[in-house]
Amino acid sequence: MKNKRKYENAPSTLATDVTKRNLSKLRKLAKTDNPLVAEIKTKASDFLSDRKNANCLIDIIGHLDNSEPSSVACAAIQAIKRIVTALAQKNQIKRPGEPKDDESTELKYRRWLWERIEDALRKITELMFHRKTAVSHLAVVTLMNIIQIQNFSIEKPRGWDHEGQKILNLIVLSFCSNKNPAKVPLGRFQEYFEYGDVCCHMVNLMSKVVHKVAKKEKASPVFVDNVINCLEMLQLPDKDKLNTMARFIPSMSEDAPKLSHEQMKSCYGTIWTSLVVCKFNVDQYKRSLILLNEKVIPQLPRPVLLTDFLLGCFSVGGAISMLALSGVFTLMTKYNLEYPDFYKKLYELFRVEIFHVKYKARFFHLSDLFL
């Protein structure tokens, strides 16, 4: 088709006109807002304006569900954050004591409010596994923001209190889920590993969870994968770096407990010694061995405890055997491990097939180091 002839007097098409037309088309294609979103915002306002509208909070919590559309779930999460922020500023969120028969109406209301907020936080934790990434990421950020909101609602920040650690524990339990892959929410959480206090508390809580699951022999392949994902993203800082890292919850109180690198290192070792007794698939063997050889072994308080795991990996064959021997070699040369059969195991790997595998370059590189 021939190009149309251009005339000097023809009106030129302005960029602004093109933009307007494109925006007009987008508006027509855009979906109308879900009416529940406006309803949730209204109920949050109603709840904060008058206690008579307390049941509005229950309605909002009802929308914190993985079956809800992303717009509704996000609106419910934001409404809870708005409510918690407003209540914290008024100092109305406090853990109630044991219930009494002669409790006043005010105490009963605060107890009820506390229980509903806890329900909401648990529900938001579940939304970390929503099918939409935006909802999952918003759930992670909101939970971490609420930890800060509760701390900064007082005049002198006191560091991590029981409630902050309780919320973080909910997050850790989700990251170490036995059923749901946690790579998406963990990816959003990774930025918080830049804070020294988050690293310390995360490692401490993870060590308890992993040890408990491994002890009961209830670790699923999903659980092992989730824990390895966490360990791949978590860079354990040394003592000097830990002291200079930023704090997510700074403390101005002199009696606040200081971060202990020794405790963190001990808990980190517990995570690994507990994890390696679980059943691994080939990919998990490979990822964990690469981590151990490159980053983990120097950070562990007692690296020799991994000897049985490394020797067990040798029987898997292929690249796994080579990586396992690399870990054993590190223990022999740097941690005085005695293993007379090391070179016998190495020579067993020298077969004709080794010249036809994709990891042959790494094999010969490591063999050169060993010999």
Protein backbone atom coordinates (compact mmCIF):
# COMPACT_ATOMS: atom_id res chain seq x y z
CA MET A 1 0.00 0.00 0.00
CA LYS A 2 1.36 3.42 -1.01
CA ASN A 3 2.00 6.06 1.60
CA LYS A 4 -0.55 8.84 1.77
CA ARG A 5 0.62 12.13 0.37
CA LYS A 6 1.40 14.76 2.96
CA TYR A 7 0.19 18.31 2.45
CA GLU A 8 1.75 21.40 3.92
CA ASN A 9 -1.51 22.63 5.44
CA ALA A 10 -2.41 19.28 7.08
CA PRO A 11 -2.73 19.58 10.89
CA SER A 12 0.12 17.91 12.79
CA THR A 13 -0.60 15.26 15.43
CA LEU A 14 0.60 16.47 18.82
CA ALA A 15 2.13 14.09 21.35
CA THR A 16 -0.44 15.25 23.92
CA ASP A 17 -3.27 14.20 21.61
CA VAL A 18 -1.79 10.74 21.22
CA THR A 19 -1.40 10.44 24.97
CA LYS A 20 -5.01 11.45 25.58
CA ARG A 21 -6.27 8.88 23.10
CA ASN A 22 -4.17 6.14 24.69
CA LEU A 23 -5.38 7.05 28.18
CA SER A 24 -8.96 6.99 26.94
CA LYS A 25 -8.47 3.46 25.62
CA LEU A 26 -6.90 2.34 28.90
CA ARG A 27 -9.85 3.68 30.90
CA LYS A 28 -12.23 1.67 28.77
CA LEU A 29 -10.16 -1.48 29.20
CA ALA A 30 -9.62 -0.97 32.96
CA LYS A 31 -11.76 -3.06 35.25
CA THR A 32 -14.11 -1.29 37.59
CA ASP A 33 -13.06 -1.28 41.25
CA ASN A 34 -14.47 -4.06 43.36
CA PRO A 35 -17.23 -2.51 45.54
CA LEU A 36 -15.85 -4.45 48.52
CA VAL A 37 -12.71 -2.29 48.45
CA ALA A 38 -14.70 0.89 49.17
CA GLU A 39 -16.76 -0.99 51.76
CA ILE A 40 -13.63 -2.13 53.63
CA LYS A 41 -12.26 1.43 53.71
CA THR A 42 -15.58 2.74 55.04
CA LYS A 43 -15.72 0.06 57.74
CA ALA A 44 -12.20 0.93 58.88
CA SER A 45 -13.24 4.56 59.25
CA ASP A 46 -16.44 3.59 61.05
CA PHE A 47 -14.54 1.36 63.49
CA LEU A 48 -12.09 4.12 64.38
CA SER A 49 -14.80 6.73 64.76
CA ASP A 50 -17.03 4.89 67.26
CA ARG A 51 -16.75 1.79 69.43
CA LYS A 52 -20.33 0.94 68.56
CA ASN A 53 -18.95 -0.13 65.19
CA ALA A 54 -16.61 -2.72 66.73
CA ASN A 55 -18.07 -5.49 64.57
CA CYS A 56 -16.67 -3.72 61.51
CA LEU A 57 -13.27 -5.06 62.57
CA ILE A 58 -14.59 -8.64 62.39
CA ASP A 59 -15.95 -7.97 58.90
CA ILE A 60 -12.56 -6.65 57.74
CA ILE A 61 -10.73 -9.66 59.20
CA GLY A 62 -13.14 -11.88 57.27
CA HIS A 63 -11.68 -10.55 54.03
CA LEU A 64 -8.14 -11.57 55.01
CA ASP A 65 -8.44 -14.80 53.09
CA ASN A 66 -6.48 -16.41 50.26
CA SER A 67 -9.71 -16.97 48.34
CA GLU A 68 -10.35 -13.22 48.06
CA PRO A 69 -9.37 -11.24 44.92
CA SER A 70 -6.09 -9.37 45.21
CA SER A 71 -7.76 -5.94 45.39
CA VAL A 72 -9.98 -7.01 48.30
CA ALA A 73 -7.16 -8.78 50.17
CA CYS A 74 -4.87 -5.74 49.77
CA ALA A 75 -7.63 -3.39 50.98
CA ALA A 76 -8.19 -5.55 54.06
CA ILE A 77 -4.45 -5.65 54.87
CA GLN A 78 -4.18 -1.86 54.52
CA ALA A 79 -7.27 -1.38 56.69
CA ILE A 80 -5.77 -3.49 59.48
CA LYS A 81 -2.53 -1.53 59.28
CA ARG A 82 -4.47 1.72 59.48
CA ILE A 83 -6.42 0.49 62.51
CA VAL A 84 -3.35 -0.83 64.34
CA THR A 85 -1.48 2.42 63.68
CA ALA A 86 -4.33 4.53 65.05
CA LEU A 87 -4.77 2.33 68.13
CA ALA A 88 -1.02 2.25 68.84
CA GLN A 89 -0.83 6.05 68.70
CA LYS A 90 -3.59 6.19 71.31
CA ASN A 91 -1.78 3.51 73.35
CA GLN A 92 -4.85 1.26 73.19
CA ILE A 93 -3.08 -1.97 72.23
CA LYS A 94 -1.85 -3.70 75.36
CA ARG A 95 -1.60 -7.35 76.26
CA PRO A 96 -4.33 -7.99 78.85
CA GLY A 97 -3.69 -9.92 82.04
CA GLU A 98 -5.55 -13.01 83.20
CA PRO A 99 -9.36 -12.61 82.91
CA LYS A 100 -11.26 -11.87 86.11
CA ASP A 101 -14.92 -12.29 87.05
CA ASP A 102 -15.34 -8.65 88.07
CA GLU A 103 -13.66 -7.19 84.97
CA SER A 104 -14.82 -3.77 83.88
CA THR A 105 -16.41 -3.18 80.50
CA GLU A 106 -13.30 -1.29 79.40
CA LEU A 107 -11.00 -4.23 80.19
CA LYS A 108 -13.33 -6.67 78.46
CA TYR A 109 -13.31 -4.50 75.34
CA ARG A 110 -9.52 -4.22 75.34
CA ARG A 111 -9.19 -7.98 75.76
CA TRP A 112 -11.56 -8.54 72.85
CA LEU A 113 -9.66 -5.98 70.77
CA TRP A 114 -6.32 -7.62 71.53
CA GLU A 115 -7.62 -11.04 70.48
CA ARG A 116 -9.04 -9.66 67.23
CA ILE A 117 -5.73 -7.96 66.37
CA GLU A 118 -3.92 -11.25 66.97
CA ASP A 119 -6.42 -13.00 64.68
CA ALA A 120 -5.79 -10.36 62.01
CA LEU A 121 -2.00 -10.78 62.21
CA ARG A 122 -2.30 -14.55 61.83
CA LYS A 123 -4.57 -14.05 58.82
CA ILE A 124 -2.13 -11.60 57.24
CA THR A 125 0.63 -14.18 57.71
CA GLU A 126 -1.46 -16.68 55.75
CA LEU A 127 -1.81 -14.12 52.96
CA MET A 128 1.94 -14.39 52.38
CA PHE A 129 0.95 -17.41 50.27
CA HIS A 130 -1.70 -15.62 48.22
CA ARG A 131 -1.64 -16.49 44.51
CA LYS A 132 -0.90 -12.85 43.65
CA THR A 133 2.63 -11.64 44.33
CA ALA A 134 1.43 -8.13 45.20
CA VAL A 135 -0.68 -9.46 48.09
CA SER A 136 2.15 -11.68 49.34
CA HIS A 137 4.63 -8.79 49.34
CA LEU A 138 2.16 -6.41 51.00
CA ALA A 139 1.53 -8.96 53.76
CA VAL A 140 5.28 -9.21 54.51
CA VAL A 141 5.84 -5.45 54.56
CA THR A 142 2.73 -4.81 56.67
CA LEU A 143 3.75 -7.33 59.34
CA MET A 144 7.21 -5.75 59.60
CA ASN A 145 5.68 -2.26 59.72
CA ILE A 146 3.38 -3.31 62.56
CA ILE A 147 6.42 -4.51 64.53
CA GLN A 148 7.84 -1.00 64.22
CA ILE A 149 4.48 0.68 64.92
CA GLN A 150 4.10 -1.17 68.21
CA ASN A 151 7.63 -0.27 69.26
CA PHE A 152 7.53 3.40 68.32
CA SER A 153 4.15 3.98 69.95
CA ILE A 154 6.00 4.60 73.23
CA GLU A 155 8.28 7.51 74.11
CA LYS A 156 11.49 5.51 74.54
CA PRO A 157 11.90 2.59 72.13
CA ARG A 158 12.74 -0.47 74.21
CA GLY A 159 14.05 -2.70 71.44
CA TRP A 160 12.42 -5.97 70.49
CA ASP A 161 9.66 -6.78 72.95
CA HIS A 162 7.67 -10.01 73.30
CA GLU A 163 5.03 -8.91 70.81
CA GLY A 164 7.54 -7.97 68.12
CA GLN A 165 9.27 -11.33 68.41
CA LYS A 166 5.89 -13.06 68.35
CA ILE A 167 5.01 -11.45 64.99
CA LEU A 168 8.46 -12.29 63.61
CA ASN A 169 7.96 -15.87 64.78
CA LEU A 170 4.75 -16.05 62.70
CA ILE A 171 6.79 -14.95 59.69
CA VAL A 172 9.52 -17.53 60.39
CA LEU A 173 6.96 -20.33 60.75
CA SER A 174 5.60 -19.38 57.33
CA PHE A 175 9.06 -19.27 55.76
CA CYS A 176 9.69 -22.78 57.17
CA SER A 177 6.32 -24.12 56.04
CA ASN A 178 5.93 -27.86 55.50
CA LYS A 179 3.28 -27.35 52.81
CA ASN A 180 3.69 -24.02 51.00
CA PRO A 181 6.75 -22.88 49.02
CA ALA A 182 7.87 -19.58 50.56
CA LYS A 183 10.22 -18.26 47.88
CA VAL A 184 7.93 -15.33 46.89
CA PRO A 185 7.40 -13.81 50.37
CA LEU A 186 11.00 -14.60 51.33
CA GLY A 187 12.20 -12.65 48.31
CA ARG A 188 10.37 -9.57 49.61
CA PHE A 189 11.72 -10.12 53.13
CA GLN A 190 15.33 -10.27 51.97
CA GLU A 191 15.87 -6.52 52.36
CA TYR A 192 15.32 -6.84 56.12
CA PHE A 193 18.42 -9.02 56.43
CA GLU A 194 20.36 -5.75 56.15
CA TYR A 195 19.40 -5.10 59.79
CA GLY A 196 21.55 -6.74 62.44
CA ASP A 197 18.73 -7.24 64.95
CA VAL A 198 16.49 -8.89 62.33
CA CYS A 199 19.33 -11.30 61.45
CA CYS A 200 19.87 -12.22 65.10
CA HIS A 201 16.22 -12.81 65.94
CA MET A 202 15.55 -14.58 62.65
CA VAL A 203 18.40 -17.06 63.18
CA ASN A 204 17.37 -17.63 66.81
CA LEU A 205 13.74 -18.37 65.91
CA MET A 206 14.67 -20.47 62.87
CA SER A 207 16.95 -22.68 64.95
CA LYS A 208 14.05 -23.60 67.25
CA VAL A 209 11.68 -24.33 64.38
CA VAL A 210 14.13 -26.40 62.30
CA HIS A 211 15.35 -28.36 65.34
CA LYS A 212 11.79 -29.17 66.40
CA VAL A 213 10.70 -30.34 62.93
CA ALA A 214 13.86 -32.41 62.38
CA LYS A 215 13.59 -34.03 65.80
CA LYS A 216 10.02 -35.16 65.10
CA GLU A 217 11.08 -36.38 61.62
CA LYS A 218 8.27 -34.40 60.00
CA ALA A 219 10.36 -32.51 57.45
CA SER A 220 8.83 -32.57 53.97
CA PRO A 221 10.73 -31.76 50.74
CA VAL A 222 8.96 -28.38 50.75
CA PHE A 223 10.22 -27.68 54.28
CA VAL A 224 13.82 -28.53 53.34
CA ASP A 225 13.56 -26.35 50.22
CA ASN A 226 12.17 -23.42 52.23
CA VAL A 227 14.93 -23.63 54.85
CA ILE A 228 17.64 -23.78 52.17
CA ASN A 229 16.07 -20.75 50.49
CA CYS A 230 16.31 -18.86 53.78
CA LEU A 231 19.92 -19.87 54.30
CA GLU A 232 20.84 -18.85 50.74
CA MET A 233 19.44 -15.36 51.29
CA LEU A 234 20.77 -14.90 54.82
CA GLN A 235 24.38 -13.74 54.92
CA LEU A 236 25.59 -14.35 58.48
CA PRO A 237 27.62 -11.27 59.48
CA ASP A 238 30.85 -11.51 61.43
CA LYS A 239 31.17 -9.91 64.86
CA ASP A 240 32.57 -6.58 63.66
CA LYS A 241 29.97 -6.20 60.92
CA LEU A 242 27.12 -7.06 63.29
CA ASN A 243 28.11 -4.20 65.58
CA THR A 244 28.04 -1.70 62.71
CA MET A 245 24.85 -2.89 61.00
CA ALA A 246 21.71 -0.76 61.15
CA ARG A 247 18.95 -1.70 63.61
CA PHE A 248 15.37 -2.23 62.51
CA ILE A 249 14.19 -1.56 66.08
CA PRO A 250 16.72 0.77 67.74
CA SER A 251 16.72 0.86 71.51
CA MET A 252 17.33 3.97 73.61
CA SER A 253 17.06 2.03 76.84
CA GLU A 254 20.34 1.29 78.66
CA ASP A 255 19.09 -2.02 80.07
CA ALA A 256 18.04 -3.38 76.66
CA PRO A 257 19.82 -6.66 75.81
CA LYS A 258 22.63 -6.34 73.27
CA LEU A 259 22.95 -8.49 70.19
CA SER A 260 25.12 -11.53 70.85
CA HIS A 261 27.19 -12.77 67.92
CA GLU A 262 28.15 -15.91 69.81
CA GLN A 263 24.50 -16.81 70.38
CA MET A 264 23.64 -16.12 66.74
CA LYS A 265 26.55 -18.29 65.58
CA SER A 266 25.46 -21.10 67.89
CA CYS A 267 21.86 -20.92 66.60
CA TYR A 268 23.13 -20.87 63.03
CA GLY A 269 25.04 -24.08 63.73
CA THR A 270 21.88 -25.63 65.23
CA ILE A 271 19.96 -24.86 62.02
CA TRP A 272 22.51 -26.70 59.91
CA THR A 273 23.06 -29.69 62.21
CA SER A 274 19.28 -30.12 62.42
CA LEU A 275 18.70 -29.62 58.70
CA VAL A 276 21.26 -32.17 57.49
CA VAL A 277 19.45 -35.06 59.23
CA CYS A 278 16.40 -34.47 56.99
CA LYS A 279 15.87 -36.24 53.68
CA PHE A 280 17.22 -34.34 50.67
CA ASN A 281 16.61 -34.66 46.95
CA VAL A 282 19.49 -34.28 44.47
CA ASP A 283 18.92 -30.57 43.89
CA GLN A 284 18.80 -29.90 47.65
CA TYR A 285 22.03 -31.84 48.15
CA LYS A 286 23.73 -29.72 45.50
CA ARG A 287 22.48 -26.37 46.84
CA SER A 288 23.33 -27.18 50.46
CA LEU A 289 26.80 -28.49 49.59
CA ILE A 290 27.61 -25.37 47.56
CA LEU A 291 26.51 -23.24 50.51
CA LEU A 292 28.54 -25.29 52.98
CA ASN A 293 31.72 -25.17 50.90
CA GLU A 294 31.58 -21.49 49.99
CA LYS A 295 29.99 -19.71 52.97
CA VAL A 296 28.85 -21.85 55.88
CA ILE A 297 31.69 -24.00 57.20
CA PRO A 298 33.82 -21.04 58.42
CA GLN A 299 30.77 -19.64 60.26
CA LEU A 300 29.87 -22.79 62.20
CA PRO A 301 31.00 -23.21 65.82
CA ARG A 302 31.76 -26.95 65.27
CA PRO A 303 32.08 -27.68 61.54
CA VAL A 304 33.30 -31.26 62.14
CA LEU A 305 29.73 -32.22 63.13
CA LEU A 306 28.88 -32.13 59.42
CA THR A 307 31.27 -35.00 58.64
CA ASP A 308 28.59 -37.72 58.60
CA PHE A 309 26.40 -35.65 56.29
CA LEU A 310 29.25 -35.00 53.87
CA LEU A 311 30.28 -38.66 53.77
CA GLY A 312 26.67 -39.68 53.28
CA CYS A 313 26.44 -37.31 50.29
CA PHE A 314 29.30 -39.17 48.61
CA SER A 315 27.08 -42.18 47.96
CA VAL A 316 24.71 -40.00 45.86
CA GLY A 317 27.24 -39.97 43.04
CA GLY A 318 28.13 -37.53 40.29
CA ALA A 319 28.68 -33.87 41.09
CA ILE A 320 27.24 -34.40 44.58
CA SER A 321 30.10 -36.76 45.46
CA MET A 322 32.63 -34.23 44.26
CA LEU A 323 31.09 -31.40 46.27
CA ALA A 324 30.94 -33.65 49.34
CA LEU A 325 34.64 -34.48 49.07
CA SER A 326 35.39 -30.78 48.71
CA GLY A 327 33.70 -30.19 52.07
CA VAL A 328 35.58 -33.08 53.67
CA PHE A 329 38.87 -31.72 52.29
CA THR A 330 38.13 -28.35 53.92
CA LEU A 331 37.50 -30.06 57.26
CA MET A 332 40.76 -32.02 56.92
CA THR A 333 42.95 -29.06 56.03
CA LYS A 334 41.43 -26.40 58.29
CA TYR A 335 39.73 -28.25 61.16
CA ASN A 336 42.03 -31.25 61.71
CA LEU A 337 39.56 -33.91 60.59
CA GLU A 338 41.23 -37.31 60.18
CA TYR A 339 39.87 -39.29 57.25
CA PRO A 340 42.40 -41.79 55.84
CA ASP A 341 40.02 -42.99 53.07
CA PHE A 342 39.79 -39.56 51.44
CA TYR A 343 42.04 -40.32 48.44
CA LYS A 344 40.52 -43.76 48.04
CA LYS A 345 37.11 -42.07 47.67
CA LEU A 346 38.58 -39.54 45.25
CA TYR A 347 40.11 -42.21 43.01
CA GLU A 348 36.74 -43.98 42.85
CA LEU A 349 35.42 -40.98 40.93
CA PHE A 350 38.00 -41.29 38.16
CA ARG A 351 36.04 -43.20 35.56
CA VAL A 352 35.67 -42.97 31.79
CA GLU A 353 32.23 -41.35 32.16
CA ILE A 354 33.79 -38.34 33.88
CA PHE A 355 34.99 -37.06 30.48
CA HIS A 356 31.42 -36.79 29.22
CA VAL A 357 29.67 -34.97 32.04
CA LYS A 358 28.98 -31.24 32.17
CA TYR A 359 30.76 -30.75 35.50
CA LYS A 360 34.09 -32.24 34.32
CA ALA A 361 35.85 -28.82 34.44
CA ARG A 362 34.92 -28.39 38.11
CA PHE A 363 35.91 -32.00 38.78
CA PHE A 364 39.42 -31.57 37.42
CA HIS A 365 39.81 -28.19 39.12
CA LEU A 366 38.96 -29.68 42.52
CA SER A 367 41.07 -32.78 41.83
CA ASP A 368 44.02 -30.50 41.17
CA LEU A 369 43.48 -28.84 44.54
CA PHE A 370 43.21 -32.17 46.34
CA LEU A 371 46.30 -33.66 44.74
